[in-house]
Protein backbone atom coordinates (compact mmCIF):
# COMPACT_ATOMS: atom_id res chain seq x y z
CA MET A 1 -35.94 1.26 37.84
CA GLY A 2 -32.93 -0.50 39.39
CA ILE A 3 -33.56 -3.63 37.29
CA LEU A 4 -33.74 -1.53 34.10
CA VAL A 5 -30.43 0.19 34.92
CA ASP A 6 -28.83 -3.20 35.68
CA LEU A 7 -30.19 -4.59 32.40
CA LEU A 8 -28.82 -1.63 30.43
CA PHE A 9 -25.43 -1.99 32.13
CA VAL A 10 -25.25 -5.73 31.33
CA SER A 11 -26.34 -5.03 27.72
CA ALA A 12 -23.60 -2.40 27.31
CA ILE A 13 -20.95 -4.79 28.62
CA THR A 14 -22.24 -7.57 26.37
CA LEU A 15 -22.04 -5.28 23.34
CA ALA A 16 -18.51 -4.19 24.26
CA VAL A 17 -17.36 -7.79 24.61
CA ALA A 18 -19.21 -9.02 21.52
CA SER A 19 -18.02 -6.14 19.31
CA PRO A 20 -14.27 -5.74 19.84
CA VAL A 21 -12.49 -3.07 17.87
CA VAL A 22 -10.46 -4.68 15.11
CA ALA A 23 -6.90 -3.38 15.36
CA CYS A 24 -6.16 -3.42 11.63
CA SER A 25 -9.37 -2.08 10.16
CA THR A 26 -8.44 1.47 9.18
CA PRO A 27 -8.45 2.53 5.51
CA ALA A 28 -4.64 2.65 5.60
CA HIS A 29 -4.57 -1.01 6.63
CA ASN A 30 -6.43 -1.80 3.39
CA GLU A 31 -4.15 0.11 1.00
CA PHE A 32 -2.40 -3.05 -0.18
CA ASP A 33 -5.57 -5.15 -0.56
CA PHE A 34 -5.39 -4.77 -4.35
CA TRP A 35 -2.59 -7.36 -4.26
CA ILE A 36 -4.71 -10.00 -2.50
CA GLY A 37 -5.69 -12.98 -4.65
CA GLU A 38 -4.54 -16.02 -6.60
CA TRP A 39 -2.28 -14.86 -9.44
CA ASP A 40 -0.57 -16.14 -12.55
CA VAL A 41 2.52 -14.01 -13.11
CA THR A 42 4.25 -13.44 -16.46
CA THR A 43 7.40 -11.65 -17.60
CA PRO A 44 7.16 -8.55 -19.85
CA ASP A 45 7.42 -10.81 -22.93
CA GLY A 46 4.47 -12.94 -21.72
CA LYS A 47 6.38 -15.99 -20.50
CA PRO A 48 5.25 -17.64 -17.25
CA ALA A 49 7.23 -16.33 -14.28
CA GLY A 50 5.34 -18.11 -11.53
CA THR A 51 2.29 -18.13 -9.33
CA ASN A 52 1.54 -16.14 -6.23
CA ARG A 53 -1.11 -16.48 -3.55
CA ILE A 54 -1.62 -13.32 -1.49
CA GLU A 55 -3.96 -13.43 1.50
CA LYS A 56 -4.81 -11.57 4.68
CA ILE A 57 -4.02 -13.44 7.87
CA LEU A 58 -3.92 -12.77 11.61
CA ASN A 59 -7.22 -10.89 11.85
CA GLY A 60 -6.43 -8.89 8.71
CA CYS A 61 -3.24 -7.43 10.20
CA VAL A 62 -0.83 -9.21 7.84
CA ILE A 63 -0.79 -9.61 4.08
CA TYR A 64 0.96 -12.92 3.47
CA GLU A 65 2.63 -13.74 0.14
CA ASN A 66 3.38 -17.26 -1.12
CA TRP A 67 5.52 -17.09 -4.31
CA GLN A 68 6.48 -20.06 -6.50
CA SER A 69 8.71 -19.63 -9.56
CA ALA A 70 7.61 -21.26 -12.81
CA THR A 71 11.15 -21.98 -13.99
CA SER A 72 12.96 -23.35 -10.94
CA GLY A 73 12.48 -24.64 -7.43
CA TYR A 74 12.81 -21.07 -6.17
CA SER A 75 10.09 -19.86 -3.84
CA GLY A 76 9.62 -17.11 -1.30
CA ARG A 77 7.30 -15.70 1.30
CA SER A 78 6.66 -12.21 2.53
CA PHE A 79 4.87 -10.73 5.49
CA ASN A 80 3.47 -7.24 4.95
CA THR A 81 2.11 -5.04 7.72
CA TYR A 82 1.00 -1.46 8.07
CA ASP A 83 2.65 0.48 10.89
CA SER A 84 0.24 3.19 12.02
CA ILE A 85 2.94 4.90 14.11
CA THR A 86 5.25 5.55 11.13
CA ALA A 87 2.44 5.47 8.51
CA THR A 88 4.47 3.01 6.44
CA TRP A 89 4.04 -0.43 4.97
CA ASN A 90 6.72 -2.91 6.00
CA GLN A 91 7.63 -6.13 4.24
CA VAL A 92 9.94 -8.94 5.28
CA TRP A 93 10.90 -11.14 2.32
CA VAL A 94 12.43 -14.60 2.85
CA ASP A 95 13.26 -17.16 0.17
CA THR A 96 14.81 -20.51 -0.70
CA ASP A 97 18.17 -18.81 -1.34
CA GLY A 98 18.36 -17.95 2.36
CA SER A 99 17.77 -14.25 1.71
CA THR A 100 15.98 -11.93 4.10
CA ILE A 101 15.20 -8.40 2.96
CA HIS A 102 13.32 -5.75 4.93
CA PHE A 103 11.34 -3.19 2.92
CA ARG A 104 9.50 -0.05 3.93
CA GLY A 105 7.25 2.16 1.86
CA ARG A 106 4.00 3.94 1.16
CA ARG A 107 1.15 3.89 -1.31
CA THR A 108 0.62 6.92 -3.52
CA ASP A 109 -2.38 6.78 -5.85
CA ASN A 110 -2.27 3.35 -7.52
CA VAL A 111 1.36 2.50 -6.65
CA MET A 112 2.85 0.92 -3.54
CA ASP A 113 6.55 1.89 -3.48
CA MET A 114 8.99 0.18 -1.14
CA GLU A 115 12.73 0.38 -0.51
CA GLY A 116 15.02 -1.98 1.34
CA THR A 117 18.60 -2.98 1.98
CA GLN A 118 20.42 -6.25 2.37
CA VAL A 119 23.89 -6.83 3.78
CA THR A 120 25.81 -9.51 1.85
CA LYS A 121 29.39 -10.77 1.73
CA GLU A 122 29.91 -8.50 -1.30
CA GLY A 123 28.53 -5.41 0.44
CA THR A 124 25.21 -3.71 1.03
CA LEU A 125 22.60 -3.99 -1.71
CA GLN A 126 19.79 -1.48 -2.11
CA TYR A 127 16.38 -2.42 -3.47
CA ARG A 128 13.40 -0.57 -4.88
CA MET A 129 10.16 -2.34 -5.47
CA SER A 130 6.86 -1.04 -6.79
CA TYR A 131 3.44 -2.62 -7.14
CA THR A 132 1.24 -0.81 -9.63
CA LEU A 133 -2.50 -1.46 -9.77
CA ASN A 134 -3.49 -1.28 -13.43
CA ARG A 135 -6.93 -0.23 -14.69
CA ASP A 136 -7.78 -3.80 -15.75
CA GLY A 137 -7.14 -5.12 -12.21
CA SER A 138 -3.75 -6.61 -13.04
CA VAL A 139 -0.72 -5.66 -10.93
CA ARG A 140 2.81 -4.97 -12.12
CA GLN A 141 5.61 -5.75 -9.67
CA TRP A 142 8.92 -4.14 -10.61
CA TRP A 143 11.92 -4.99 -8.45
CA ARG A 144 15.32 -3.26 -8.91
CA ARG A 145 18.69 -3.59 -7.21
CA SER A 146 21.72 -1.31 -6.87
CA ARG A 147 25.20 -1.86 -5.50
CA ASP A 148 26.08 1.86 -5.49
CA GLY A 149 22.74 3.66 -5.14
CA LYS A 150 23.21 5.26 -8.58
CA SER A 151 22.80 2.55 -11.20
CA TRP A 152 19.82 0.21 -10.93
CA GLU A 153 19.21 -3.17 -12.55
CA THR A 154 15.85 -4.85 -12.89
CA ILE A 155 15.87 -8.20 -11.12
CA PHE A 156 12.15 -8.93 -11.52
CA ASP A 157 9.41 -7.43 -13.67
CA GLY A 158 6.16 -9.34 -13.44
CA LEU A 159 2.57 -8.83 -14.50
CA TYR A 160 0.04 -10.39 -12.12
CA ARG A 161 -3.29 -11.56 -13.56
CA LYS A 162 -5.97 -13.16 -11.39
CA LYS A 163 -6.45 -16.89 -11.91
C-alpha cells in the first residue's frame, strides 16, 4: 500500500509540473484575438494604407502589432495586454516619429474601444481608438485626436482585410 501511495504522490507532482496553469488563458485575455493575423489595410476610399502583422507573443500574454505604412517610411509597434486587476486592455504605441502613447479600454460586443493621452510641446493630446470586428471578418480601426476634448479629428481610418 505504501508503494501505491508513493506512486500516486509522484504522479500528482508530475502532473502539476507538466501542466502549469497558463497565466493569460482566460476568456478576457482572448477578447482582442479577432485582430490577430496578417492584414492588408486600406483607407475608406480603398487606397492602400499599409500592412499590419498582429500576433500573440510571450505565452499568449501580449498581442504584438507590427505596422508598416504603404505611403511612407512610417512604421509603428504596439504591445497590448489585458490587466485582470482593472479588467482593461492596455496598449503602448511607439513609432518612427518618436511617439509613445498609452491607451486603456474595454471590449463591448464587437468593438474594442480605447482612450489615451500624449503630452507634447504643444500641450496634451487626447486620443480615442476603436477596433470594430465586422461580420465578414474584416476589422475597422478608427483613430481620433482632440486638443480640447470637445472637437475630434480623424487621424486614421483603416479597413483591415486578411492577406
